[in-house]
Structure formats: structure tokens, C-alpha cells
ModelCIF file with pLDDT and N, C-alpha, C, O atoms, coordinates in Angstrom:
data_MODEL
#
_entry.id   MODEL 
#
_entity.id                         1 
_entity.type                       polymer 
_entity.pdbx_number_of_molecules   1 
#
_entity_poly.entity_id                      1 
_entity_poly.type                           'polypeptide(L)' 
_entity_poly.nstd_linkage                   no 
_entity_poly.nstd_monomer                   no 
_entity_poly.pdbx_seq_one_letter_code       
;(UNK)(UNK)(UNK)(UNK)(UNK)(UNK)(UNK)(UNK)(UNK)(UNK)(UNK)(UNK)(UNK)(UNK)(UNK)(UNK)
(UNK)(UNK)(UNK)(UNK)(UNK)(UNK)(UNK)(UNK)(UNK)(UNK)(UNK)(UNK)(UNK)
;
_entity_poly.pdbx_seq_one_letter_code_can   XXXXXXXXXXXXXXXXXXXXXXXXXXXXX 
_entity_poly.pdbx_strand_id                 A 
#
loop_
_entity_poly_seq.entity_id 
_entity_poly_seq.num 
_entity_poly_seq.mon_id 
_entity_poly_seq.hetero 
1 1  UNK n 
1 2  UNK n 
1 3  UNK n 
1 4  UNK n 
1 5  UNK n 
1 6  UNK n 
1 7  UNK n 
1 8  UNK n 
1 9  UNK n 
1 10 UNK n 
1 11 UNK n 
1 12 UNK n 
1 13 UNK n 
1 14 UNK n 
1 15 UNK n 
1 16 UNK n 
1 17 UNK n 
1 18 UNK n 
1 19 UNK n 
1 20 UNK n 
1 21 UNK n 
1 22 UNK n 
1 23 UNK n 
1 24 UNK n 
1 25 UNK n 
1 26 UNK n 
1 27 UNK n 
1 28 UNK n 
1 29 UNK n 
#
_struct_asym.id          A 
_struct_asym.entity_id   1 
#
loop_
_ma_qa_metric.id 
_ma_qa_metric.mode 
_ma_qa_metric.name 
_ma_qa_metric.software_group_id 
_ma_qa_metric.type 
1 global pLDDT . pLDDT 
2 local  pLDDT . pLDDT 
#
_ma_qa_metric_global.metric_id      1 
_ma_qa_metric_global.metric_value   93.28 
_ma_qa_metric_global.model_id       1 
_ma_qa_metric_global.ordinal_id     1 
#
loop_
_ma_qa_metric_local.label_asym_id 
_ma_qa_metric_local.label_comp_id 
_ma_qa_metric_local.label_seq_id 
_ma_qa_metric_local.metric_id 
_ma_qa_metric_local.metric_value 
_ma_qa_metric_local.model_id 
_ma_qa_metric_local.ordinal_id 
A UNK 1  2 93.00 1 1  
A UNK 2  2 94.00 1 2  
A UNK 3  2 95.00 1 3  
A UNK 4  2 96.00 1 4  
A UNK 5  2 94.00 1 5  
A UNK 6  2 94.00 1 6  
A UNK 7  2 96.00 1 7  
A UNK 8  2 96.00 1 8  
A UNK 9  2 94.00 1 9  
A UNK 10 2 94.00 1 10 
A UNK 11 2 95.00 1 11 
A UNK 12 2 95.00 1 12 
A UNK 13 2 95.00 1 13 
A UNK 14 2 88.00 1 14 
A UNK 15 2 82.00 1 15 
A UNK 16 2 82.00 1 16 
A UNK 17 2 84.00 1 17 
A UNK 18 2 84.00 1 18 
A UNK 19 2 85.00 1 19 
A UNK 20 2 94.00 1 20 
A UNK 21 2 97.00 1 21 
A UNK 22 2 97.00 1 22 
A UNK 23 2 96.00 1 23 
A UNK 24 2 97.00 1 24 
A UNK 25 2 98.00 1 25 
A UNK 26 2 97.00 1 26 
A UNK 27 2 97.00 1 27 
A UNK 28 2 98.00 1 28 
A UNK 29 2 98.00 1 29 
#
loop_
_atom_site.group_PDB 
_atom_site.id 
_atom_site.type_symbol 
_atom_site.label_atom_id 
_atom_site.label_alt_id 
_atom_site.label_comp_id 
_atom_site.label_asym_id 
_atom_site.label_entity_id 
_atom_site.label_seq_id 
_atom_site.pdbx_PDB_ins_code 
_atom_site.Cartn_x 
_atom_site.Cartn_y 
_atom_site.Cartn_z 
_atom_site.occupancy 
_atom_site.B_iso_or_equiv 
_atom_site.pdbx_formal_charge 
_atom_site.auth_seq_id 
_atom_site.auth_comp_id 
_atom_site.auth_asym_id 
_atom_site.auth_atom_id 
_atom_site.pdbx_PDB_model_num 
ATOM 1   N N  . UNK A 1 1  ? 3.974  10.575 -9.636  1.00 93.00 ? 1  UNK A N  1 
ATOM 2   C CA . UNK A 1 1  ? 4.103  9.511  -8.788  1.00 93.00 ? 1  UNK A CA 1 
ATOM 3   C C  . UNK A 1 1  ? 2.563  9.263  -7.995  1.00 93.00 ? 1  UNK A C  1 
ATOM 4   O O  . UNK A 1 1  ? 1.655  9.966  -8.438  1.00 93.00 ? 1  UNK A O  1 
ATOM 5   N N  . UNK A 1 2  ? 2.385  8.784  -7.419  1.00 94.00 ? 2  UNK A N  1 
ATOM 6   C CA . UNK A 1 2  ? 0.967  8.007  -6.748  1.00 94.00 ? 2  UNK A CA 1 
ATOM 7   C C  . UNK A 1 2  ? 1.438  7.511  -5.466  1.00 94.00 ? 2  UNK A C  1 
ATOM 8   O O  . UNK A 1 2  ? 2.409  6.755  -5.450  1.00 94.00 ? 2  UNK A O  1 
ATOM 9   N N  . UNK A 1 3  ? 0.729  7.928  -4.151  1.00 95.00 ? 3  UNK A N  1 
ATOM 10  C CA . UNK A 1 3  ? 0.766  7.598  -2.918  1.00 95.00 ? 3  UNK A CA 1 
ATOM 11  C C  . UNK A 1 3  ? 0.459  6.259  -3.170  1.00 95.00 ? 3  UNK A C  1 
ATOM 12  O O  . UNK A 1 3  ? -0.467 5.929  -3.910  1.00 95.00 ? 3  UNK A O  1 
ATOM 13  N N  . UNK A 1 4  ? 1.662  4.963  -2.217  1.00 96.00 ? 4  UNK A N  1 
ATOM 14  C CA . UNK A 1 4  ? 1.716  4.073  -2.163  1.00 96.00 ? 4  UNK A CA 1 
ATOM 15  C C  . UNK A 1 4  ? -0.048 3.103  -1.800  1.00 96.00 ? 4  UNK A C  1 
ATOM 16  O O  . UNK A 1 4  ? -0.429 2.240  -2.591  1.00 96.00 ? 4  UNK A O  1 
ATOM 17  N N  . UNK A 1 5  ? -0.698 3.391  -0.808  1.00 94.00 ? 5  UNK A N  1 
ATOM 18  C CA . UNK A 1 5  ? -2.285 3.268  -0.480  1.00 94.00 ? 5  UNK A CA 1 
ATOM 19  C C  . UNK A 1 5  ? -2.990 2.776  -1.714  1.00 94.00 ? 5  UNK A C  1 
ATOM 20  O O  . UNK A 1 5  ? -3.586 1.720  -1.926  1.00 94.00 ? 5  UNK A O  1 
ATOM 21  N N  . UNK A 1 6  ? -2.658 4.300  -2.812  1.00 94.00 ? 6  UNK A N  1 
ATOM 22  C CA . UNK A 1 6  ? -3.502 5.019  -3.778  1.00 94.00 ? 6  UNK A CA 1 
ATOM 23  C C  . UNK A 1 6  ? -3.041 3.293  -4.747  1.00 94.00 ? 6  UNK A C  1 
ATOM 24  O O  . UNK A 1 6  ? -3.746 2.294  -4.884  1.00 94.00 ? 6  UNK A O  1 
ATOM 25  N N  . UNK A 1 7  ? -1.609 3.563  -5.252  1.00 96.00 ? 7  UNK A N  1 
ATOM 26  C CA . UNK A 1 7  ? -1.203 2.467  -5.971  1.00 96.00 ? 7  UNK A CA 1 
ATOM 27  C C  . UNK A 1 7  ? -1.824 1.033  -5.494  1.00 96.00 ? 7  UNK A C  1 
ATOM 28  O O  . UNK A 1 7  ? -2.566 0.504  -6.322  1.00 96.00 ? 7  UNK A O  1 
ATOM 29  N N  . UNK A 1 8  ? -1.673 0.526  -4.599  1.00 96.00 ? 8  UNK A N  1 
ATOM 30  C CA . UNK A 1 8  ? -2.296 -0.627 -4.395  1.00 96.00 ? 8  UNK A CA 1 
ATOM 31  C C  . UNK A 1 8  ? -3.866 -0.714 -4.410  1.00 96.00 ? 8  UNK A C  1 
ATOM 32  O O  . UNK A 1 8  ? -4.421 -1.805 -4.543  1.00 96.00 ? 8  UNK A O  1 
ATOM 33  N N  . UNK A 1 9  ? -4.476 0.304  -4.289  1.00 94.00 ? 9  UNK A N  1 
ATOM 34  C CA . UNK A 1 9  ? -6.081 0.112  -4.921  1.00 94.00 ? 9  UNK A CA 1 
ATOM 35  C C  . UNK A 1 9  ? -5.671 0.231  -6.413  1.00 94.00 ? 9  UNK A C  1 
ATOM 36  O O  . UNK A 1 9  ? -5.726 -0.882 -6.934  1.00 94.00 ? 9  UNK A O  1 
ATOM 37  N N  . UNK A 1 10 ? -5.378 0.954  -7.060  1.00 94.00 ? 10 UNK A N  1 
ATOM 38  C CA . UNK A 1 10 ? -5.278 0.397  -8.296  1.00 94.00 ? 10 UNK A CA 1 
ATOM 39  C C  . UNK A 1 10 ? -5.357 -0.369 -9.185  1.00 94.00 ? 10 UNK A C  1 
ATOM 40  O O  . UNK A 1 10 ? -6.080 -0.518 -10.171 1.00 94.00 ? 10 UNK A O  1 
ATOM 41  N N  . UNK A 1 11 ? -4.034 -1.145 -8.475  1.00 95.00 ? 11 UNK A N  1 
ATOM 42  C CA . UNK A 1 11 ? -3.624 -2.924 -8.493  1.00 95.00 ? 11 UNK A CA 1 
ATOM 43  C C  . UNK A 1 11 ? -4.687 -3.889 -8.666  1.00 95.00 ? 11 UNK A C  1 
ATOM 44  O O  . UNK A 1 11 ? -4.678 -4.863 -9.418  1.00 95.00 ? 11 UNK A O  1 
ATOM 45  N N  . UNK A 1 12 ? -5.785 -3.432 -7.729  1.00 95.00 ? 12 UNK A N  1 
ATOM 46  C CA . UNK A 1 12 ? -6.588 -3.974 -7.041  1.00 95.00 ? 12 UNK A CA 1 
ATOM 47  C C  . UNK A 1 12 ? -6.093 -5.103 -5.638  1.00 95.00 ? 12 UNK A C  1 
ATOM 48  O O  . UNK A 1 12 ? -6.716 -6.080 -5.222  1.00 95.00 ? 12 UNK A O  1 
ATOM 49  N N  . UNK A 1 13 ? -4.971 -4.627 -5.219  1.00 95.00 ? 13 UNK A N  1 
ATOM 50  C CA . UNK A 1 13 ? -4.417 -4.674 -3.889  1.00 95.00 ? 13 UNK A CA 1 
ATOM 51  C C  . UNK A 1 13 ? -4.895 -4.555 -2.417  1.00 95.00 ? 13 UNK A C  1 
ATOM 52  O O  . UNK A 1 13 ? -5.583 -3.580 -2.117  1.00 95.00 ? 13 UNK A O  1 
ATOM 53  N N  . UNK A 1 14 ? -4.642 -5.296 -1.667  1.00 88.00 ? 14 UNK A N  1 
ATOM 54  C CA . UNK A 1 14 ? -5.483 -4.822 0.293   1.00 88.00 ? 14 UNK A CA 1 
ATOM 55  C C  . UNK A 1 14 ? -4.371 -4.114 0.006   1.00 88.00 ? 14 UNK A C  1 
ATOM 56  O O  . UNK A 1 14 ? -3.279 -4.350 -0.510  1.00 88.00 ? 14 UNK A O  1 
ATOM 57  N N  . UNK A 1 15 ? -5.320 -2.535 0.798   1.00 82.00 ? 15 UNK A N  1 
ATOM 58  C CA . UNK A 1 15 ? -3.931 -1.681 1.739   1.00 82.00 ? 15 UNK A CA 1 
ATOM 59  C C  . UNK A 1 15 ? -4.209 -1.636 3.263   1.00 82.00 ? 15 UNK A C  1 
ATOM 60  O O  . UNK A 1 15 ? -4.885 -0.765 3.811   1.00 82.00 ? 15 UNK A O  1 
ATOM 61  N N  . UNK A 1 16 ? -3.767 -2.404 3.716   1.00 82.00 ? 16 UNK A N  1 
ATOM 62  C CA . UNK A 1 16 ? -3.816 -3.046 5.054   1.00 82.00 ? 16 UNK A CA 1 
ATOM 63  C C  . UNK A 1 16 ? -3.104 -2.060 5.912   1.00 82.00 ? 16 UNK A C  1 
ATOM 64  O O  . UNK A 1 16 ? -2.245 -1.273 5.517   1.00 82.00 ? 16 UNK A O  1 
ATOM 65  N N  . UNK A 1 17 ? -3.452 -2.157 6.861   1.00 84.00 ? 17 UNK A N  1 
ATOM 66  C CA . UNK A 1 17 ? -1.947 -1.684 7.636   1.00 84.00 ? 17 UNK A CA 1 
ATOM 67  C C  . UNK A 1 17 ? -1.147 0.044  7.324   1.00 84.00 ? 17 UNK A C  1 
ATOM 68  O O  . UNK A 1 17 ? -0.059 0.549  7.598   1.00 84.00 ? 17 UNK A O  1 
ATOM 69  N N  . UNK A 1 18 ? -2.581 0.564  6.515   1.00 84.00 ? 18 UNK A N  1 
ATOM 70  C CA . UNK A 1 18 ? -1.419 1.423  5.830   1.00 84.00 ? 18 UNK A CA 1 
ATOM 71  C C  . UNK A 1 18 ? -1.119 2.659  7.213   1.00 84.00 ? 18 UNK A C  1 
ATOM 72  O O  . UNK A 1 18 ? -1.821 2.783  8.216   1.00 84.00 ? 18 UNK A O  1 
ATOM 73  N N  . UNK A 1 19 ? -0.136 3.287  6.938   1.00 85.00 ? 19 UNK A N  1 
ATOM 74  C CA . UNK A 1 19 ? 0.956  4.196  8.056   1.00 85.00 ? 19 UNK A CA 1 
ATOM 75  C C  . UNK A 1 19 ? 1.701  3.535  8.639   1.00 85.00 ? 19 UNK A C  1 
ATOM 76  O O  . UNK A 1 19 ? 2.180  3.904  9.712   1.00 85.00 ? 19 UNK A O  1 
ATOM 77  N N  . UNK A 1 20 ? 2.017  2.265  8.014   1.00 94.00 ? 20 UNK A N  1 
ATOM 78  C CA . UNK A 1 20 ? 2.436  1.674  9.624   1.00 94.00 ? 20 UNK A CA 1 
ATOM 79  C C  . UNK A 1 20 ? 3.804  1.197  8.562   1.00 94.00 ? 20 UNK A C  1 
ATOM 80  O O  . UNK A 1 20 ? 3.775  1.146  7.333   1.00 94.00 ? 20 UNK A O  1 
ATOM 81  N N  . UNK A 1 21 ? 5.124  0.838  9.594   1.00 97.00 ? 21 UNK A N  1 
ATOM 82  C CA . UNK A 1 21 ? 6.013  0.987  8.536   1.00 97.00 ? 21 UNK A CA 1 
ATOM 83  C C  . UNK A 1 21 ? 5.794  -0.868 7.949   1.00 97.00 ? 21 UNK A C  1 
ATOM 84  O O  . UNK A 1 21 ? 5.855  -1.284 6.792   1.00 97.00 ? 21 UNK A O  1 
ATOM 85  N N  . UNK A 1 22 ? 5.563  -1.580 9.104   1.00 97.00 ? 22 UNK A N  1 
ATOM 86  C CA . UNK A 1 22 ? 4.705  -3.070 8.075   1.00 97.00 ? 22 UNK A CA 1 
ATOM 87  C C  . UNK A 1 22 ? 4.632  -3.139 7.288   1.00 97.00 ? 22 UNK A C  1 
ATOM 88  O O  . UNK A 1 22 ? 5.280  -3.623 6.359   1.00 97.00 ? 22 UNK A O  1 
ATOM 89  N N  . UNK A 1 23 ? 3.148  -2.294 7.527   1.00 96.00 ? 23 UNK A N  1 
ATOM 90  C CA . UNK A 1 23 ? 1.971  -2.498 6.293   1.00 96.00 ? 23 UNK A CA 1 
ATOM 91  C C  . UNK A 1 23 ? 2.445  -1.952 5.629   1.00 96.00 ? 23 UNK A C  1 
ATOM 92  O O  . UNK A 1 23 ? 2.353  -2.732 4.681   1.00 96.00 ? 23 UNK A O  1 
ATOM 93  N N  . UNK A 1 24 ? 3.101  -0.917 5.152   1.00 97.00 ? 24 UNK A N  1 
ATOM 94  C CA . UNK A 1 24 ? 3.689  0.016  3.842   1.00 97.00 ? 24 UNK A CA 1 
ATOM 95  C C  . UNK A 1 24 ? 5.240  -1.316 2.926   1.00 97.00 ? 24 UNK A C  1 
ATOM 96  O O  . UNK A 1 24 ? 5.249  -1.622 1.734   1.00 97.00 ? 24 UNK A O  1 
ATOM 97  N N  . UNK A 1 25 ? 6.017  -1.669 3.717   1.00 98.00 ? 25 UNK A N  1 
ATOM 98  C CA . UNK A 1 25 ? 6.739  -2.350 3.735   1.00 98.00 ? 25 UNK A CA 1 
ATOM 99  C C  . UNK A 1 25 ? 5.798  -3.977 2.629   1.00 98.00 ? 25 UNK A C  1 
ATOM 100 O O  . UNK A 1 25 ? 5.887  -4.324 1.452   1.00 98.00 ? 25 UNK A O  1 
ATOM 101 N N  . UNK A 1 26 ? 5.315  -4.306 3.359   1.00 97.00 ? 26 UNK A N  1 
ATOM 102 C CA . UNK A 1 26 ? 4.117  -5.521 2.554   1.00 97.00 ? 26 UNK A CA 1 
ATOM 103 C C  . UNK A 1 26 ? 3.572  -5.153 1.905   1.00 97.00 ? 26 UNK A C  1 
ATOM 104 O O  . UNK A 1 26 ? 3.504  -5.919 0.944   1.00 97.00 ? 26 UNK A O  1 
ATOM 105 N N  . UNK A 1 27 ? 2.631  -3.684 1.686   1.00 97.00 ? 27 UNK A N  1 
ATOM 106 C CA . UNK A 1 27 ? 2.307  -3.545 0.318   1.00 97.00 ? 27 UNK A CA 1 
ATOM 107 C C  . UNK A 1 27 ? 2.730  -3.296 -1.079  1.00 97.00 ? 27 UNK A C  1 
ATOM 108 O O  . UNK A 1 27 ? 2.434  -3.523 -2.252  1.00 97.00 ? 27 UNK A O  1 
ATOM 109 N N  . UNK A 1 28 ? 4.145  -2.318 0.196   1.00 98.00 ? 28 UNK A N  1 
ATOM 110 C CA . UNK A 1 28 ? 5.224  -2.529 -1.894  1.00 98.00 ? 28 UNK A CA 1 
ATOM 111 C C  . UNK A 1 28 ? 5.913  -3.465 -2.291  1.00 98.00 ? 28 UNK A C  1 
ATOM 112 O O  . UNK A 1 28 ? 6.536  -3.453 -3.353  1.00 98.00 ? 28 UNK A O  1 
ATOM 113 N N  . UNK A 1 29 ? 5.877  -4.640 -1.271  1.00 98.00 ? 29 UNK A N  1 
ATOM 114 C CA . UNK A 1 29 ? 6.160  -5.803 -1.809  1.00 98.00 ? 29 UNK A CA 1 
ATOM 115 C C  . UNK A 1 29 ? 5.200  -6.923 -3.078  1.00 98.00 ? 29 UNK A C  1 
ATOM 116 O O  . UNK A 1 29 ? 5.680  -7.996 -3.441  1.00 98.00 ? 29 UNK A O  1 
#
């Protein structure tokens, strides 16, 4: 498993507002 912010970084996605529920939901999407 990978932490969400690490997964986003690996895929070249911005990791904005990590560890906020809205930021993490948008990062997941």
C-alpha cells in the first residue's frame, strides 16, 4: 500500500491540502 500523498506524487498529481478531508477526497478522485 502507498500513502495517498505519495501515490499522488508518484503519478505526477498535485498533493494539495493533504490531511484535510476535502483535499484528500479530491486527491483520491
